[in-house]
Amino acid sequence: MVGSPWGETVGLASACVSAGAFVMSGPLSGPSGRPPLPFPTGGPISTELRINDRIRVSEVRLVGPNGETVGIVPTADALRLAQEADLDLVEIAPQGKPPVCKLMDYGKFKYENAQKAREARRNQTNVVIKEMKLRPKIDAHDYETKKGHVVRFLKAGDKVKITIMFRGREQHRPELGFRLLQRLADDVAELGFVESSPKQDGRNMIMVLGPHKKKADAKVDAEAAKQAKADERAADQAAERAEREAAHAAGPVAAKKERGRSENLDPEIEA
């Protein structure tokens, strides 16, 4: 069976086993019991700036605390200047040749950057789509309630998705939903516009209303209205306080009316 295909297969398998034994001559598992990785893995990439003793280059392009350019100086001299000024040596441009370093208060620098990032997140506008569902044969009172919610959403600068839900035979009367959507769009025309015209989507009919005001402008207006309401309340409280003080300064409270003899008393009893 030397010349048979079976003999060639056995010989190839023996060669593979020999090669595998040679390659896997090292430890078959790591400390955790799993096979060792072929390449070492590093930790997460740090985004922190290098400061003070972490700066390993021989010389740097130094910038003063007020933004003035000092020039190229040895790193040891830059560290000495930072210690004398009670500041930190911060590498602000590591890609430069030599790297650019600045004298600054690193703790204050990080705090100011965190404040700016927080303010930017607070001022960013997120597009929010609210949804309001109606039925073609909605009651007048329910319609006014739903319309009030749509008005509130549009005043806040949010888009509103209006969905008309059809059931049973109502699916054969799409004009009912179309007229209802047109009525709602006309009622809130001062606050929003039809961004997406009514269209049929299975058993539903959908329309999207967009606000005239942007989210940021609506937020500013809401804050102004809230402040105006607070000022009006404070003015009313001040007026009530002034009125009470004026009444108190006018004099003591009038004497109580003298109580007469009750008619139920016995007339023979003297007062």
C-alpha atoms as a PDB file:
ATOM      1  CA  MET A   1       0.000   0.000   0.000  1.00  0.00           C
ATOM      2  CA  VAL A   2       2.997   2.239  -0.405  1.00  0.00           C
ATOM      3  CA  GLY A   3       1.786   3.663  -3.700  1.00  0.00           C
ATOM      4  CA  SER A   4      -1.890   3.904  -2.685  1.00  0.00           C
ATOM      5  CA  PRO A   5      -3.656   7.202  -1.880  1.00  0.00           C
ATOM      6  CA  TRP A   6      -4.175   5.913   1.668  1.00  0.00           C
ATOM      7  CA  GLY A   7      -0.429   5.717   2.224  1.00  0.00           C
ATOM      8  CA  GLU A   8       0.053   9.280   0.965  1.00  0.00           C
ATOM      9  CA  THR A   9      -2.648  10.515   3.358  1.00  0.00           C
ATOM     10  CA  VAL A  10      -1.007   8.810   6.336  1.00  0.00           C
ATOM     11  CA  GLY A  11       2.362  10.278   5.449  1.00  0.00           C
ATOM     12  CA  LEU A  12       0.918  13.796   5.104  1.00  0.00           C
ATOM     13  CA  ALA A  13      -0.808  13.500   8.470  1.00  0.00           C
ATOM     14  CA  SER A  14       2.426  12.380  10.141  1.00  0.00           C
ATOM     15  CA  ALA A  15       4.269  15.360   8.683  1.00  0.00           C
ATOM     16  CA  CYS A  16       1.583  17.768   9.936  1.00  0.00           C
ATOM     17  CA  VAL A  17       1.735  16.240  13.421  1.00  0.00           C
ATOM     18  CA  SER A  18       5.511  16.638  13.472  1.00  0.00           C
ATOM     19  CA  ALA A  19       5.309  20.238  12.351  1.00  0.00           C
ATOM     20  CA  GLY A  20       2.593  20.966  14.916  1.00  0.00           C
ATOM     21  CA  ALA A  21       4.652  19.452  17.700  1.00  0.00           C
ATOM     22  CA  PHE A  22       7.551  21.651  16.726  1.00  0.00           C
ATOM     23  CA  VAL A  23       5.447  24.831  16.617  1.00  0.00           C
ATOM     24  CA  MET A  24       3.550  24.142  19.848  1.00  0.00           C
ATOM     25  CA  SER A  25       6.625  23.223  21.845  1.00  0.00           C
ATOM     26  CA  GLY A  26       5.964  26.176  24.168  1.00  0.00           C
ATOM     27  CA  PRO A  27       3.344  26.366  26.953  1.00  0.00           C
ATOM     28  CA  LEU A  28      -0.135  25.363  25.772  1.00  0.00           C
ATOM     29  CA  SER A  29      -2.039  27.723  28.075  1.00  0.00           C
ATOM     30  CA  GLY A  30      -1.590  30.960  29.916  1.00  0.00           C
ATOM     31  CA  PRO A  31      -2.141  31.675  33.610  1.00  0.00           C
ATOM     32  CA  SER A  32      -5.941  31.731  33.089  1.00  0.00           C
ATOM     33  CA  GLY A  33      -6.019  28.339  31.342  1.00  0.00           C
ATOM     34  CA  ARG A  34      -6.564  29.868  27.863  1.00  0.00           C
ATOM     35  CA  PRO A  35      -4.010  29.619  25.018  1.00  0.00           C
ATOM     36  CA  PRO A  36      -1.606  32.576  25.033  1.00  0.00           C
ATOM     37  CA  LEU A  37      -2.219  35.391  22.546  1.00  0.00           C
ATOM     38  CA  PRO A  38       0.271  35.659  19.666  1.00  0.00           C
ATOM     39  CA  PHE A  39       0.838  39.406  20.281  1.00  0.00           C
ATOM     40  CA  PRO A  40       0.689  41.416  23.498  1.00  0.00           C
ATOM     41  CA  THR A  41      -2.325  43.701  23.874  1.00  0.00           C
ATOM     42  CA  GLY A  42      -1.981  47.218  25.214  1.00  0.00           C
ATOM     43  CA  GLY A  43      -4.315  49.260  27.392  1.00  0.00           C
ATOM     44  CA  PRO A  44      -6.634  52.062  26.278  1.00  0.00           C
ATOM     45  CA  ILE A  45      -5.083  55.030  24.501  1.00  0.00           C
ATOM     46  CA  SER A  46      -4.712  57.946  26.898  1.00  0.00           C
ATOM     47  CA  THR A  47      -5.980  61.360  25.817  1.00  0.00           C
ATOM     48  CA  GLU A  48      -4.358  63.187  28.722  1.00  0.00           C
ATOM     49  CA  LEU A  49      -1.685  65.745  27.936  1.00  0.00           C
ATOM     50  CA  ARG A  50       1.826  65.028  29.140  1.00  0.00           C
ATOM     51  CA  ILE A  51       2.906  67.353  31.934  1.00  0.00           C
ATOM     52  CA  ASN A  52       6.065  68.031  33.946  1.00  0.00           C
ATOM     53  CA  ASP A  53       8.195  64.890  34.447  1.00  0.00           C
ATOM     54  CA  ARG A  54       6.190  62.918  31.868  1.00  0.00           C
ATOM     55  CA  ILE A  55       7.738  65.007  29.084  1.00  0.00           C
ATOM     56  CA  ARG A  56      10.725  62.898  27.969  1.00  0.00           C
ATOM     57  CA  VAL A  57      12.148  64.953  25.070  1.00  0.00           C
ATOM     58  CA  SER A  58      15.443  66.798  25.447  1.00  0.00           C
ATOM     59  CA  GLU A  59      14.182  70.251  24.433  1.00  0.00           C
ATOM     60  CA  VAL A  60      10.838  71.969  23.888  1.00  0.00           C
ATOM     61  CA  ARG A  61       9.453  75.093  22.273  1.00  0.00           C
ATOM     62  CA  LEU A  62       8.297  77.007  25.326  1.00  0.00           C
ATOM     63  CA  VAL A  63       5.288  79.339  25.526  1.00  0.00           C
ATOM     64  CA  GLY A  64       4.820  81.577  28.555  1.00  0.00           C
ATOM     65  CA  PRO A  65       1.711  81.677  30.765  1.00  0.00           C
ATOM     66  CA  ASN A  66       0.380  84.764  28.943  1.00  0.00           C
ATOM     67  CA  GLY A  67       0.914  83.305  25.464  1.00  0.00           C
ATOM     68  CA  GLU A  68       4.305  84.892  24.829  1.00  0.00           C
ATOM     69  CA  THR A  69       6.870  82.835  22.916  1.00  0.00           C
ATOM     70  CA  VAL A  70      10.030  82.074  24.898  1.00  0.00           C
ATOM     71  CA  GLY A  71      11.754  79.901  22.293  1.00  0.00           C
ATOM     72  CA  ILE A  72      13.459  76.532  22.192  1.00  0.00           C
ATOM     73  CA  VAL A  73      14.879  75.659  25.594  1.00  0.00           C
ATOM     74  CA  PRO A  74      16.085  72.435  27.246  1.00  0.00           C
ATOM     75  CA  THR A  75      13.339  70.537  29.012  1.00  0.00           C
ATOM     76  CA  ALA A  76      15.191  70.757  32.325  1.00  0.00           C
ATOM     77  CA  ASP A  77      15.242  74.566  32.110  1.00  0.00           C
ATOM     78  CA  ALA A  78      11.539  74.636  31.212  1.00  0.00           C
ATOM     79  CA  LEU A  79      10.730  72.490  34.252  1.00  0.00           C
ATOM     80  CA  ARG A  80      12.789  74.787  36.461  1.00  0.00           C
ATOM     81  CA  LEU A  81      10.890  77.853  35.156  1.00  0.00           C
ATOM     82  CA  ALA A  82       7.592  76.085  35.822  1.00  0.00           C
ATOM     83  CA  GLN A  83       8.581  75.304  39.415  1.00  0.00           C
ATOM     84  CA  GLU A  84       9.721  78.863  40.024  1.00  0.00           C
ATOM     85  CA  ALA A  85       6.388  80.228  38.730  1.00  0.00           C
ATOM     86  CA  ASP A  86       4.393  77.580  40.658  1.00  0.00           C
ATOM     87  CA  LEU A  87       2.902  76.358  37.382  1.00  0.00           C
ATOM     88  CA  ASP A  88       2.893  73.178  35.298  1.00  0.00           C
ATOM     89  CA  LEU A  89       4.761  72.476  32.086  1.00  0.00           C
ATOM     90  CA  VAL A  90       2.096  71.120  29.707  1.00  0.00           C
ATOM     91  CA  GLU A  91       2.805  69.627  26.279  1.00  0.00           C
ATOM     92  CA  ILE A  92       0.099  71.202  24.098  1.00  0.00           C
ATOM     93  CA  ALA A  93       1.447  70.227  20.640  1.00  0.00           C
ATOM     94  CA  PRO A  94       3.299  66.886  20.818  1.00  0.00           C
ATOM     95  CA  GLN A  95       3.510  66.612  17.015  1.00  0.00           C
ATOM     96  CA  GLY A  96       5.780  69.637  16.764  1.00  0.00           C
ATOM     97  CA  LYS A  97       9.528  69.374  16.295  1.00  0.00           C
ATOM     98  CA  PRO A  98      10.392  70.106  19.019  1.00  0.00           C
ATOM     99  CA  PRO A  99       7.068  69.710  20.880  1.00  0.00           C
ATOM    100  CA  VAL A 100       5.343  72.874  22.025  1.00  0.00           C
ATOM    101  CA  CYS A 101       4.903  73.225  25.797  1.00  0.00           C
ATOM    102  CA  LYS A 102       3.179  75.949  27.779  1.00  0.00           C
ATOM    103  CA  LEU A 103       3.407  77.129  31.348  1.00  0.00           C
ATOM    104  CA  MET A 104      -0.049  76.989  32.923  1.00  0.00           C
ATOM    105  CA  ASP A 105      -2.105  75.862  35.889  1.00  0.00           C
ATOM    106  CA  TYR A 106      -3.111  72.420  34.612  1.00  0.00           C
ATOM    107  CA  GLY A 107      -5.843  71.865  37.211  1.00  0.00           C
ATOM    108  CA  LYS A 108      -7.537  75.153  36.301  1.00  0.00           C
ATOM    109  CA  PHE A 109      -7.123  74.333  32.602  1.00  0.00           C
ATOM    110  CA  LYS A 110      -8.912  70.983  32.994  1.00  0.00           C
ATOM    111  CA  TYR A 111     -11.712  72.554  35.040  1.00  0.00           C
ATOM    112  CA  GLU A 112     -12.362  75.264  32.440  1.00  0.00           C
ATOM    113  CA  ASN A 113     -12.421  72.713  29.621  1.00  0.00           C
ATOM    114  CA  ALA A 114     -14.912  70.570  31.551  1.00  0.00           C
ATOM    115  CA  GLN A 115     -17.135  73.609  32.094  1.00  0.00           C
ATOM    116  CA  LYS A 116     -17.039  74.474  28.382  1.00  0.00           C
ATOM    117  CA  ALA A 117     -17.908  70.888  27.409  1.00  0.00           C
ATOM    118  CA  ARG A 118     -20.809  70.843  29.874  1.00  0.00           C
ATOM    119  CA  GLU A 119     -22.124  74.158  28.529  1.00  0.00           C
ATOM    120  CA  ALA A 120     -21.851  72.892  24.953  1.00  0.00           C
ATOM    121  CA  ARG A 121     -23.837  69.770  25.831  1.00  0.00           C
ATOM    122  CA  ARG A 122     -26.459  71.891  27.545  1.00  0.00           C
ATOM    123  CA  ASN A 123     -26.862  74.193  24.529  1.00  0.00           C
ATOM    124  CA  GLN A 124     -26.931  71.493  21.882  1.00  0.00           C
ATOM    125  CA  THR A 125     -30.304  70.932  20.253  1.00  0.00           C
ATOM    126  CA  ASN A 126     -31.709  67.442  19.854  1.00  0.00           C
ATOM    127  CA  VAL A 127     -34.462  66.945  17.300  1.00  0.00           C
ATOM    128  CA  VAL A 128     -37.310  65.175  19.086  1.00  0.00           C
ATOM    129  CA  ILE A 129     -40.347  63.805  17.249  1.00  0.00           C
ATOM    130  CA  LYS A 130     -43.436  63.528  19.407  1.00  0.00           C
ATOM    131  CA  GLU A 131     -46.356  61.369  18.331  1.00  0.00           C
ATOM    132  CA  MET A 132     -50.076  61.942  18.696  1.00  0.00           C
ATOM    133  CA  LYS A 133     -52.644  59.300  17.707  1.00  0.00           C
ATOM    134  CA  LEU A 134     -56.227  60.096  16.745  1.00  0.00           C
ATOM    135  CA  ARG A 135     -59.281  58.211  15.477  1.00  0.00           C
ATOM    136  CA  PRO A 136     -61.286  59.368  12.433  1.00  0.00           C
ATOM    137  CA  LYS A 137     -64.475  59.702  14.533  1.00  0.00           C
ATOM    138  CA  ILE A 138     -62.868  61.465  17.468  1.00  0.00           C
ATOM    139  CA  ASP A 139     -65.085  63.366  19.893  1.00  0.00           C
ATOM    140  CA  ALA A 140     -64.917  67.172  19.948  1.00  0.00           C
ATOM    141  CA  HIS A 141     -63.647  67.271  23.534  1.00  0.00           C
ATOM    142  CA  ASP A 142     -60.993  64.643  22.830  1.00  0.00           C
ATOM    143  CA  TYR A 143     -59.937  66.557  19.731  1.00  0.00           C
ATOM    144  CA  GLU A 144     -59.408  69.735  21.755  1.00  0.00           C
ATOM    145  CA  THR A 145     -57.327  67.776  24.287  1.00  0.00           C
ATOM    146  CA  LYS A 146     -55.151  66.239  21.563  1.00  0.00           C
ATOM    147  CA  LYS A 147     -54.770  69.600  19.866  1.00  0.00           C
ATOM    148  CA  GLY A 148     -53.610  71.113  23.166  1.00  0.00           C
ATOM    149  CA  HIS A 149     -50.833  68.527  23.368  1.00  0.00           C
ATOM    150  CA  VAL A 150     -49.787  69.274  19.772  1.00  0.00           C
ATOM    151  CA  VAL A 151     -49.683  73.011  20.548  1.00  0.00           C
ATOM    152  CA  ARG A 152     -47.510  72.358  23.592  1.00  0.00           C
ATOM    153  CA  PHE A 153     -45.091  70.217  21.572  1.00  0.00           C
ATOM    154  CA  LEU A 154     -44.797  72.810  18.801  1.00  0.00           C
ATOM    155  CA  LYS A 155     -44.216  75.616  21.303  1.00  0.00           C
ATOM    156  CA  ALA A 156     -41.341  73.580  22.744  1.00  0.00           C
ATOM    157  CA  GLY A 157     -39.762  73.346  19.276  1.00  0.00           C
ATOM    158  CA  ASP A 158     -40.464  69.629  18.732  1.00  0.00           C
ATOM    159  CA  LYS A 159     -41.788  67.958  15.622  1.00  0.00           C
ATOM    160  CA  VAL A 160     -45.092  66.141  15.930  1.00  0.00           C
ATOM    161  CA  LYS A 161     -46.096  62.984  14.081  1.00  0.00           C
ATOM    162  CA  ILE A 162     -49.885  62.780  13.753  1.00  0.00           C
ATOM    163  CA  THR A 163     -51.254  59.285  13.208  1.00  0.00           C
ATOM    164  CA  ILE A 164     -54.872  58.570  12.254  1.00  0.00           C
ATOM    165  CA  MET A 165     -55.769  54.962  13.118  1.00  0.00           C
ATOM    166  CA  PHE A 166     -58.427  53.268  10.983  1.00  0.00           C
ATOM    167  CA  ARG A 167     -60.366  50.197  12.084  1.00  0.00           C
ATOM    168  CA  GLY A 168     -62.662  47.895  10.163  1.00  0.00           C
ATOM    169  CA  ARG A 169     -64.737  49.674   7.569  1.00  0.00           C
ATOM    170  CA  GLU A 170     -63.033  52.979   8.348  1.00  0.00           C
ATOM    171  CA  GLN A 171     -60.186  51.845   6.097  1.00  0.00           C
ATOM    172  CA  HIS A 172     -62.461  52.412   3.098  1.00  0.00           C
ATOM    173  CA  ARG A 173     -63.005  56.058   4.098  1.00  0.00           C
ATOM    174  CA  PRO A 174     -59.511  57.612   4.026  1.00  0.00           C
ATOM    175  CA  GLU A 175     -61.015  61.023   3.290  1.00  0.00           C
ATOM    176  CA  LEU A 176     -62.202  61.169   6.924  1.00  0.00           C
ATOM    177  CA  GLY A 177     -58.641  60.998   8.188  1.00  0.00           C
ATOM    178  CA  PHE A 178     -57.418  63.426   5.523  1.00  0.00           C
ATOM    179  CA  ARG A 179     -59.998  66.047   6.499  1.00  0.00           C
ATOM    180  CA  LEU A 180     -59.152  65.616  10.182  1.00  0.00           C
ATOM    181  CA  LEU A 181     -55.445  66.122   9.516  1.00  0.00           C
ATOM    182  CA  GLN A 182     -56.129  69.198   7.403  1.00  0.00           C
ATOM    183  CA  ARG A 183     -58.306  70.622  10.185  1.00  0.00           C
ATOM    184  CA  LEU A 184     -55.587  70.067  12.768  1.00  0.00           C
ATOM    185  CA  ALA A 185     -52.942  71.625  10.504  1.00  0.00           C
ATOM    186  CA  ASP A 186     -55.127  74.727  10.028  1.00  0.00           C
ATOM    187  CA  ASP A 187     -55.748  75.031  13.793  1.00  0.00           C
ATOM    188  CA  VAL A 188     -52.010  75.066  14.631  1.00  0.00           C
ATOM    189  CA  ALA A 189     -50.838  76.992  11.566  1.00  0.00           C
ATOM    190  CA  GLU A 190     -49.508  79.833  13.770  1.00  0.00           C
ATOM    191  CA  LEU A 191     -47.108  77.467  15.562  1.00  0.00           C
ATOM    192  CA  GLY A 192     -46.187  74.858  12.932  1.00  0.00           C
ATOM    193  CA  PHE A 193     -46.316  73.847   9.296  1.00  0.00           C
ATOM    194  CA  VAL A 194     -46.933  70.616   7.426  1.00  0.00           C
ATOM    195  CA  GLU A 195     -43.492  69.105   6.960  1.00  0.00           C
ATOM    196  CA  SER A 196     -44.739  65.803   5.548  1.00  0.00           C
ATOM    197  CA  SER A 197     -48.105  65.691   3.775  1.00  0.00           C
ATOM    198  CA  PRO A 198     -50.688  63.086   4.839  1.00  0.00           C
ATOM    199  CA  LYS A 199     -50.039  59.661   3.368  1.00  0.00           C
ATOM    200  CA  GLN A 200     -51.546  56.238   3.855  1.00  0.00           C
ATOM    201  CA  ASP A 201     -49.420  53.644   5.680  1.00  0.00           C
ATOM    202  CA  GLY A 202     -51.357  50.412   5.982  1.00  0.00           C
ATOM    203  CA  ARG A 203     -54.194  50.972   8.430  1.00  0.00           C
ATOM    204  CA  ASN A 204     -52.831  54.373   9.464  1.00  0.00           C
ATOM    205  CA  MET A 205     -52.543  57.796   7.868  1.00  0.00           C
ATOM    206  CA  ILE A 206     -49.493  59.841   8.907  1.00  0.00           C
ATOM    207  CA  MET A 207     -48.649  63.535   8.797  1.00  0.00           C
ATOM    208  CA  VAL A 208     -45.648  65.329  10.313  1.00  0.00           C
ATOM    209  CA  LEU A 209     -45.846  68.889  11.643  1.00  0.00           C
ATOM    210  CA  GLY A 210     -42.721  70.987  12.079  1.00  0.00           C
ATOM    211  CA  PRO A 211     -42.396  73.995  14.432  1.00  0.00           C
ATOM    212  CA  HIS A 212     -41.787  77.503  13.129  1.00  0.00           C
ATOM    213  CA  LYS A 213     -39.301  78.138  15.945  1.00  0.00           C
ATOM    214  CA  LYS A 214     -36.099  76.230  16.437  1.00  0.00           C
ATOM    215  CA  LYS A 215     -35.532  74.222  19.585  1.00  0.00           C
ATOM    216  CA  ALA A 216     -32.983  76.709  20.961  1.00  0.00           C
ATOM    217  CA  ASP A 217     -35.253  79.726  20.305  1.00  0.00           C
ATOM    218  CA  ALA A 218     -38.220  77.963  21.879  1.00  0.00           C
ATOM    219  CA  LYS A 219     -36.108  77.176  24.930  1.00  0.00           C
ATOM    220  CA  VAL A 220     -35.061  80.827  25.269  1.00  0.00           C
ATOM    221  CA  ASP A 221     -38.677  81.986  24.966  1.00  0.00           C
ATOM    222  CA  ALA A 222     -39.794  79.462  27.578  1.00  0.00           C
ATOM    223  CA  GLU A 223     -37.109  80.650  29.992  1.00  0.00           C
ATOM    224  CA  ALA A 224     -38.111  84.286  29.375  1.00  0.00           C
ATOM    225  CA  ALA A 225     -41.796  83.492  29.999  1.00  0.00           C
ATOM    226  CA  LYS A 226     -40.894  81.618  33.168  1.00  0.00           C
ATOM    227  CA  GLN A 227     -38.814  84.545  34.420  1.00  0.00           C
ATOM    228  CA  ALA A 228     -41.583  87.038  33.578  1.00  0.00           C
ATOM    229  CA  LYS A 229     -44.090  84.931  35.509  1.00  0.00           C
ATOM    230  CA  ALA A 230     -41.746  84.769  38.495  1.00  0.00           C
ATOM    231  CA  ASP A 231     -41.265  88.564  38.394  1.00  0.00           C
ATOM    232  CA  GLU A 232     -45.035  89.112  38.254  1.00  0.00           C
ATOM    233  CA  ARG A 233     -45.548  86.818  41.239  1.00  0.00           C
ATOM    234  CA  ALA A 234     -42.833  88.661  43.190  1.00  0.00           C
ATOM    235  CA  ALA A 235     -44.463  92.018  42.344  1.00  0.00           C
ATOM    236  CA  ASP A 236     -47.867  90.798  43.571  1.00  0.00           C
ATOM    237  CA  GLN A 237     -46.333  89.557  46.820  1.00  0.00           C
ATOM    238  CA  ALA A 238     -44.567  92.887  47.317  1.00  0.00           C
ATOM    239  CA  ALA A 239     -47.833  94.783  46.725  1.00  0.00           C
ATOM    240  CA  GLU A 240     -49.685  92.616  49.257  1.00  0.00           C
ATOM    241  CA  ARG A 241     -46.896  93.119  51.788  1.00  0.00           C
ATOM    242  CA  ALA A 242     -46.974  96.907  51.277  1.00  0.00           C
ATOM    243  CA  GLU A 243     -50.747  96.963  51.681  1.00  0.00           C
ATOM    244  CA  ARG A 244     -50.556  95.055  54.987  1.00  0.00           C
ATOM    245  CA  GLU A 245     -47.838  97.378  56.289  1.00  0.00           C
ATOM    246  CA  ALA A 246     -49.904 100.444  55.337  1.00  0.00           C
ATOM    247  CA  ALA A 247     -52.963  99.083  57.098  1.00  0.00           C
ATOM    248  CA  HIS A 248     -50.913  98.342  60.183  1.00  0.00           C
ATOM    249  CA  ALA A 249     -49.412 101.841  60.228  1.00  0.00           C
ATOM    250  CA  ALA A 250     -52.854 103.514  59.910  1.00  0.00           C
ATOM    251  CA  GLY A 251     -53.699 102.711  63.533  1.00  0.00           C
ATOM    252  CA  PRO A 252     -55.003 100.004  65.830  1.00  0.00           C
ATOM    253  CA  VAL A 253     -57.852  97.801  64.755  1.00  0.00           C
ATOM    254  CA  ALA A 254     -61.270  99.348  65.309  1.00  0.00           C
ATOM    255  CA  ALA A 255     -62.909  98.399  68.578  1.00  0.00           C
ATOM    256  CA  LYS A 256     -65.360  95.578  68.446  1.00  0.00           C
ATOM    257  CA  LYS A 257     -69.040  96.484  68.334  1.00  0.00           C
ATOM    258  CA  GLU A 258     -70.649  96.470  71.784  1.00  0.00           C
ATOM    259  CA  ARG A 259     -72.827  93.455  72.151  1.00  0.00           C
ATOM    260  CA  GLY A 260     -76.438  94.223  73.096  1.00  0.00           C
ATOM    261  CA  ARG A 261     -78.749  92.266  75.331  1.00  0.00           C
ATOM    262  CA  SER A 262     -80.113  89.189  73.694  1.00  0.00           C
ATOM    263  CA  GLU A 263     -83.816  89.091  72.979  1.00  0.00           C
ATOM    264  CA  ASN A 264     -84.005  85.588  74.427  1.00  0.00           C
ATOM    265  CA  LEU A 265     -83.152  86.838  77.935  1.00  0.00           C
ATOM    266  CA  ASP A 266     -85.866  87.195  80.526  1.00  0.00           C
ATOM    267  CA  PRO A 267     -87.053  90.845  80.483  1.00  0.00           C
ATOM    268  CA  GLU A 268     -87.162  90.881  84.275  1.00  0.00           C
ATOM    269  CA  ILE A 269     -83.409  90.288  84.418  1.00  0.00           C
ATOM    270  CA  GLU A 270     -81.571  93.572  84.527  1.00  0.00           C
ATOM    271  CA  ALA A 271     -78.772  94.167  82.187  1.00  0.00           C
END
